[in-house]
C-alpha atoms as a PDB file:
ATOM      1  CA  UNK A   1      72.236  70.375  87.574  1.00  0.00           C
ATOM      2  CA  UNK A   2      70.613  67.817  85.257  1.00  0.00           C
ATOM      3  CA  UNK A   3      67.254  69.578  85.650  1.00  0.00           C
ATOM      4  CA  UNK A   4      68.797  72.927  84.672  1.00  0.00           C
ATOM      5  CA  UNK A   5      70.376  71.437  81.539  1.00  0.00           C
ATOM      6  CA  UNK A   6      67.056  69.798  80.634  1.00  0.00           C
ATOM      7  CA  UNK A   7      65.183  73.107  81.017  1.00  0.00           C
ATOM      8  CA  UNK A   8      67.748  74.975  78.891  1.00  0.00           C
ATOM      9  CA  UNK A   9      67.512  72.326  76.139  1.00  0.00           C
ATOM     10  CA  UNK A  10      63.710  72.404  76.302  1.00  0.00           C
ATOM     11  CA  UNK A  11      63.649  76.221  75.980  1.00  0.00           C
ATOM     12  CA  UNK A  12      66.024  76.084  72.993  1.00  0.00           C
ATOM     13  CA  UNK A  13      63.910  73.347  71.375  1.00  0.00           C
ATOM     14  CA  UNK A  14      60.673  75.326  71.810  1.00  0.00           C
ATOM     15  CA  UNK A  15      62.326  78.478  70.428  1.00  0.00           C
ATOM     16  CA  UNK A  16      63.616  76.618  67.357  1.00  0.00           C
ATOM     17  CA  UNK A  17      60.257  74.941  66.694  1.00  0.00           C
ATOM     18  CA  UNK A  18      58.392  78.245  67.137  1.00  0.00           C
ATOM     19  CA  UNK A  19      60.693  80.033  64.686  1.00  0.00           C
ATOM     20  CA  UNK A  20      60.421  77.303  62.056  1.00  0.00           C
ATOM     21  CA  UNK A  21      56.622  77.527  62.177  1.00  0.00           C
ATOM     22  CA  UNK A  22      56.631  81.184  61.123  1.00  0.00           C
ATOM     23  CA  UNK A  23      57.801  83.129  58.092  1.00  0.00           C
ATOM     24  CA  UNK A  24      59.181  86.621  58.518  1.00  0.00           C
ATOM     25  CA  UNK A  25      58.161  89.118  55.862  1.00  0.00           C
ATOM     26  CA  UNK A  26      59.641  92.584  55.914  1.00  0.00           C
ATOM     27  CA  UNK A  27      59.215  93.776  52.328  1.00  0.00           C
ATOM     28  CA  UNK A  28      57.591  97.025  53.438  1.00  0.00           C
ATOM     29  CA  UNK A  29      59.699  97.469  56.535  1.00  0.00           C
ATOM     30  CA  UNK A  30      56.776  96.676  58.832  1.00  0.00           C
ATOM     31  CA  UNK A  31      58.221  93.451  60.289  1.00  0.00           C
ATOM     32  CA  UNK A  32      54.918  91.532  60.049  1.00  0.00           C
ATOM     33  CA  UNK A  33      54.962  87.839  60.945  1.00  0.00           C
ATOM     34  CA  UNK A  34      52.822  85.327  59.082  1.00  0.00           C
ATOM     35  CA  UNK A  35      52.130  81.684  59.880  1.00  0.00           C
ATOM     36  CA  UNK A  36      53.751  79.387  57.310  1.00  0.00           C
ATOM     37  CA  UNK A  37      50.351  78.066  56.236  1.00  0.00           C
ATOM     38  CA  UNK A  38      49.148  81.519  55.152  1.00  0.00           C
ATOM     39  CA  UNK A  39      49.328  82.441  51.489  1.00  0.00           C
ATOM     40  CA  UNK A  40      51.481  85.516  51.151  1.00  0.00           C
ATOM     41  CA  UNK A  41      52.189  86.937  47.704  1.00  0.00           C
ATOM     42  CA  UNK A  42      55.797  87.512  46.789  1.00  0.00           C
ATOM     43  CA  UNK A  43      57.339  84.694  48.856  1.00  0.00           C
ATOM     44  CA  UNK A  44      57.486  80.899  48.718  1.00  0.00           C
ATOM     45  CA  UNK A  45      54.564  79.096  50.240  1.00  0.00           C
ATOM     46  CA  UNK A  46      54.163  75.528  51.385  1.00  0.00           C
ATOM     47  CA  UNK A  47      50.970  73.774  50.368  1.00  0.00           C
ATOM     48  CA  UNK A  48      49.177  71.681  52.970  1.00  0.00           C
ATOM     49  CA  UNK A  49      48.673  68.814  50.481  1.00  0.00           C
ATOM     50  CA  UNK A  50      51.085  67.256  48.007  1.00  0.00           C
ATOM     51  CA  UNK A  51      50.651  68.597  44.475  1.00  0.00           C
ATOM     52  CA  UNK A  52      51.692  65.257  42.938  1.00  0.00           C
ATOM     53  CA  UNK A  53      51.770  61.740  44.339  1.00  0.00           C
ATOM     54  CA  UNK A  54      52.689  59.451  41.481  1.00  0.00           C
ATOM     55  CA  UNK A  55      50.684  56.662  39.900  1.00  0.00           C
ATOM     56  CA  UNK A  56      49.814  54.842  43.113  1.00  0.00           C
ATOM     57  CA  UNK A  57      49.898  57.948  45.289  1.00  0.00           C
ATOM     58  CA  UNK A  58      52.768  56.252  47.089  1.00  0.00           C
ATOM     59  CA  UNK A  59      55.953  57.246  45.308  1.00  0.00           C
ATOM     60  CA  UNK A  60      56.910  60.348  43.383  1.00  0.00           C
ATOM     61  CA  UNK A  61      60.340  61.289  44.626  1.00  0.00           C
ATOM     62  CA  UNK A  62      63.371  63.261  43.559  1.00  0.00           C
ATOM     63  CA  UNK A  63      61.538  65.642  41.201  1.00  0.00           C
ATOM     64  CA  UNK A  64      63.547  67.569  38.634  1.00  0.00           C
ATOM     65  CA  UNK A  65      61.598  70.327  36.864  1.00  0.00           C
ATOM     66  CA  UNK A  66      62.432  72.598  33.930  1.00  0.00           C
ATOM     67  CA  UNK A  67      60.442  75.405  32.350  1.00  0.00           C
ATOM     68  CA  UNK A  68      59.583  74.746  28.706  1.00  0.00           C
ATOM     69  CA  UNK A  69      57.746  76.737  26.021  1.00  0.00           C
ATOM     70  CA  UNK A  70      54.598  74.754  26.839  1.00  0.00           C
ATOM     71  CA  UNK A  71      54.820  75.040  30.652  1.00  0.00           C
ATOM     72  CA  UNK A  72      56.774  72.784  33.006  1.00  0.00           C
ATOM     73  CA  UNK A  73      58.338  69.350  32.589  1.00  0.00           C
ATOM     74  CA  UNK A  74      59.033  67.070  35.539  1.00  0.00           C
ATOM     75  CA  UNK A  75      61.037  63.855  35.662  1.00  0.00           C
ATOM     76  CA  UNK A  76      60.697  62.015  38.963  1.00  0.00           C
ATOM     77  CA  UNK A  77      61.442  58.694  40.630  1.00  0.00           C
ATOM     78  CA  UNK A  78      58.371  56.491  40.302  1.00  0.00           C
ATOM     79  CA  UNK A  79      57.576  52.911  41.285  1.00  0.00           C
ATOM     80  CA  UNK A  80      57.346  50.180  38.642  1.00  0.00           C
ATOM     81  CA  UNK A  81      55.193  47.408  40.093  1.00  0.00           C
ATOM     82  CA  UNK A  82      55.023  45.487  36.809  1.00  0.00           C
ATOM     83  CA  UNK A  83      58.611  44.373  36.411  1.00  0.00           C
ATOM     84  CA  UNK A  84      60.530  41.710  38.296  1.00  0.00           C
ATOM     85  CA  UNK A  85      61.949  42.681  40.676  1.00  0.00           C
ATOM     86  CA  UNK A  86      59.705  45.643  41.344  1.00  0.00           C
ATOM     87  CA  UNK A  87      61.508  48.914  41.948  1.00  0.00           C
ATOM     88  CA  UNK A  88      62.106  52.511  41.131  1.00  0.00           C
ATOM     89  CA  UNK A  89      62.137  53.922  37.614  1.00  0.00           C
ATOM     90  CA  UNK A  90      62.039  57.343  35.928  1.00  0.00           C
ATOM     91  CA  UNK A  91      58.676  58.788  34.937  1.00  0.00           C
ATOM     92  CA  UNK A  92      57.495  62.111  33.573  1.00  0.00           C
ATOM     93  CA  UNK A  93      54.648  64.597  33.932  1.00  0.00           C
ATOM     94  CA  UNK A  94      53.775  68.020  32.532  1.00  0.00           C
ATOM     95  CA  UNK A  95      52.085  71.095  33.955  1.00  0.00           C
ATOM     96  CA  UNK A  96      50.928  74.510  32.799  1.00  0.00           C
ATOM     97  CA  UNK A  97      51.367  76.123  36.216  1.00  0.00           C
ATOM     98  CA  UNK A  98      53.780  73.901  38.170  1.00  0.00           C
ATOM     99  CA  UNK A  99      50.973  72.886  40.563  1.00  0.00           C
ATOM    100  CA  UNK A 100      48.545  70.694  38.594  1.00  0.00           C
ATOM    101  CA  UNK A 101      50.421  67.837  36.906  1.00  0.00           C
ATOM    102  CA  UNK A 102      49.398  65.475  34.104  1.00  0.00           C
ATOM    103  CA  UNK A 103      51.006  62.036  33.806  1.00  0.00           C
ATOM    104  CA  UNK A 104      52.764  61.128  30.602  1.00  0.00           C
ATOM    105  CA  UNK A 105      51.378  58.249  28.533  1.00  0.00           C
ATOM    106  CA  UNK A 106      48.798  56.445  30.654  1.00  0.00           C
ATOM    107  CA  UNK A 107      48.645  53.597  28.129  1.00  0.00           C
ATOM    108  CA  UNK A 108      51.783  52.116  29.707  1.00  0.00           C
ATOM    109  CA  UNK A 109      51.404  49.891  32.765  1.00  0.00           C
ATOM    110  CA  UNK A 110      53.724  52.248  34.630  1.00  0.00           C
ATOM    111  CA  UNK A 111      52.375  55.649  33.624  1.00  0.00           C
ATOM    112  CA  UNK A 112      54.888  58.018  32.095  1.00  0.00           C
ATOM    113  CA  UNK A 113      57.930  55.760  32.090  1.00  0.00           C
ATOM    114  CA  UNK A 114      60.525  57.793  30.146  1.00  0.00           C
ATOM    115  CA  UNK A 115      63.522  55.470  29.999  1.00  0.00           C
ATOM    116  CA  UNK A 116      62.976  51.716  29.688  1.00  0.00           C
ATOM    117  CA  UNK A 117      65.819  49.360  30.497  1.00  0.00           C
ATOM    118  CA  UNK A 118      66.269  45.626  30.185  1.00  0.00           C
ATOM    119  CA  UNK A 119      66.907  42.949  32.778  1.00  0.00           C
ATOM    120  CA  UNK A 120      70.614  42.649  33.546  1.00  0.00           C
ATOM    121  CA  UNK A 121      71.522  46.155  32.363  1.00  0.00           C
ATOM    122  CA  UNK A 122      73.725  48.218  34.690  1.00  0.00           C
ATOM    123  CA  UNK A 123      70.810  50.676  35.111  1.00  0.00           C
ATOM    124  CA  UNK A 124      67.875  48.277  35.430  1.00  0.00           C
ATOM    125  CA  UNK A 125      66.805  50.316  38.468  1.00  0.00           C
ATOM    126  CA  UNK A 126      66.803  54.108  37.988  1.00  0.00           C
ATOM    127  CA  UNK A 127      66.241  56.990  40.388  1.00  0.00           C
ATOM    128  CA  UNK A 128      67.328  60.455  41.527  1.00  0.00           C
ATOM    129  CA  UNK A 129      67.131  62.264  38.204  1.00  0.00           C
ATOM    130  CA  UNK A 130      68.313  65.715  37.191  1.00  0.00           C
ATOM    131  CA  UNK A 131      66.847  67.197  33.998  1.00  0.00           C
ATOM    132  CA  UNK A 132      68.920  69.835  32.215  1.00  0.00           C
ATOM    133  CA  UNK A 133      67.765  71.996  29.307  1.00  0.00           C
ATOM    134  CA  UNK A 134      70.987  73.013  27.581  1.00  0.00           C
ATOM    135  CA  UNK A 135      69.251  74.778  24.636  1.00  0.00           C
ATOM    136  CA  UNK A 136      70.422  72.163  22.092  1.00  0.00           C
ATOM    137  CA  UNK A 137      68.626  69.247  23.746  1.00  0.00           C
ATOM    138  CA  UNK A 138      67.655  67.850  27.135  1.00  0.00           C
ATOM    139  CA  UNK A 139      70.058  65.824  29.234  1.00  0.00           C
ATOM    140  CA  UNK A 140      68.716  63.539  31.930  1.00  0.00           C
ATOM    141  CA  UNK A 141      71.266  62.505  34.565  1.00  0.00           C
ATOM    142  CA  UNK A 142      70.279  59.692  36.911  1.00  0.00           C
ATOM    143  CA  UNK A 143      71.499  57.042  39.304  1.00  0.00           C
ATOM    144  CA  UNK A 144      71.321  53.501  37.962  1.00  0.00           C
ATOM    145  CA  UNK A 145      72.039  50.079  39.423  1.00  0.00           C
ATOM    146  CA  UNK A 146      71.122  46.409  39.290  1.00  0.00           C
ATOM    147  CA  UNK A 147      69.173  44.915  42.143  1.00  0.00           C
ATOM    148  CA  UNK A 148      68.287  41.558  43.613  1.00  0.00           C
ATOM    149  CA  UNK A 149      65.200  42.422  45.619  1.00  0.00           C
ATOM    150  CA  UNK A 150      66.409  45.017  48.088  1.00  0.00           C
ATOM    151  CA  UNK A 151      70.110  44.224  47.572  1.00  0.00           C
ATOM    152  CA  UNK A 152      71.910  46.836  45.487  1.00  0.00           C
ATOM    153  CA  UNK A 153      75.046  45.972  43.549  1.00  0.00           C
ATOM    154  CA  UNK A 154      76.585  49.463  43.619  1.00  0.00           C
ATOM    155  CA  UNK A 155      75.285  52.546  41.824  1.00  0.00           C
ATOM    156  CA  UNK A 156      76.599  54.511  38.844  1.00  0.00           C
ATOM    157  CA  UNK A 157      75.545  57.765  37.165  1.00  0.00           C
ATOM    158  CA  UNK A 158      74.029  57.580  33.721  1.00  0.00           C
ATOM    159  CA  UNK A 159      72.798  60.004  31.104  1.00  0.00           C
ATOM    160  CA  UNK A 160      69.947  59.965  28.622  1.00  0.00           C
ATOM    161  CA  UNK A 161      69.252  62.558  25.934  1.00  0.00           C
ATOM    162  CA  UNK A 162      66.129  63.871  24.235  1.00  0.00           C
ATOM    163  CA  UNK A 163      65.176  66.605  21.812  1.00  0.00           C
ATOM    164  CA  UNK A 164      61.710  67.038  23.365  1.00  0.00           C
ATOM    165  CA  UNK A 165      62.070  65.975  27.040  1.00  0.00           C
ATOM    166  CA  UNK A 166      59.345  63.359  26.437  1.00  0.00           C
ATOM    167  CA  UNK A 167      61.211  60.261  25.271  1.00  0.00           C
ATOM    168  CA  UNK A 168      64.854  59.679  26.142  1.00  0.00           C
ATOM    169  CA  UNK A 169      67.664  57.646  24.635  1.00  0.00           C
ATOM    170  CA  UNK A 170      69.809  55.970  27.268  1.00  0.00           C
ATOM    171  CA  UNK A 171      73.553  55.755  26.788  1.00  0.00           C
ATOM    172  CA  UNK A 172      74.802  52.181  26.954  1.00  0.00           C
ATOM    173  CA  UNK A 173      77.395  52.774  29.665  1.00  0.00           C
ATOM    174  CA  UNK A 174      77.421  54.990  32.778  1.00  0.00           C
ATOM    175  CA  UNK A 175      79.197  58.340  32.532  1.00  0.00           C
ATOM    176  CA  UNK A 176      80.527  58.031  36.076  1.00  0.00           C
ATOM    177  CA  UNK A 177      81.310  54.573  37.468  1.00  0.00           C
ATOM    178  CA  UNK A 178      81.756  53.704  41.097  1.00  0.00           C
ATOM    179  CA  UNK A 179      85.132  52.619  42.245  1.00  0.00           C
ATOM    180  CA  UNK A 180      88.210  53.625  44.127  1.00  0.00           C
END
């Protein structure tokens, strides 16, 4: 009995893995199947390599991208190794095609930092951004918190605004506070 259950689970697992490794394309009604690594025009494709890795090629998470007149604008969670304690921050990059990205301001120690905060502020550590172009200006929503090393003292949601999506003004208080 146990062997039969194991075989059924194994067959289901193999079927699921096989189906996730292929992309079905039936635009012309021909039912062709393509491997997910093939480039097929007209559908999403997954690149074999990351298109952006962040300053140290170790952390560029939670990307939020908007189309602008000049191309694309990305705000992402980066790593700030130069502050104490070290931790995540919000950084920016631009692209003409959405594939090849250029860091913002490399003259900063942490390249492209878009929203500086001070020690002791409720949002000293920032991450998980969402960039919104609302036609009048750009709104950057993010998670902010204080930290003692890896200990987090709760997280709140903040907002920053910008007229150019390059430099942002942080609001002093969170727009959504944690609590019961």
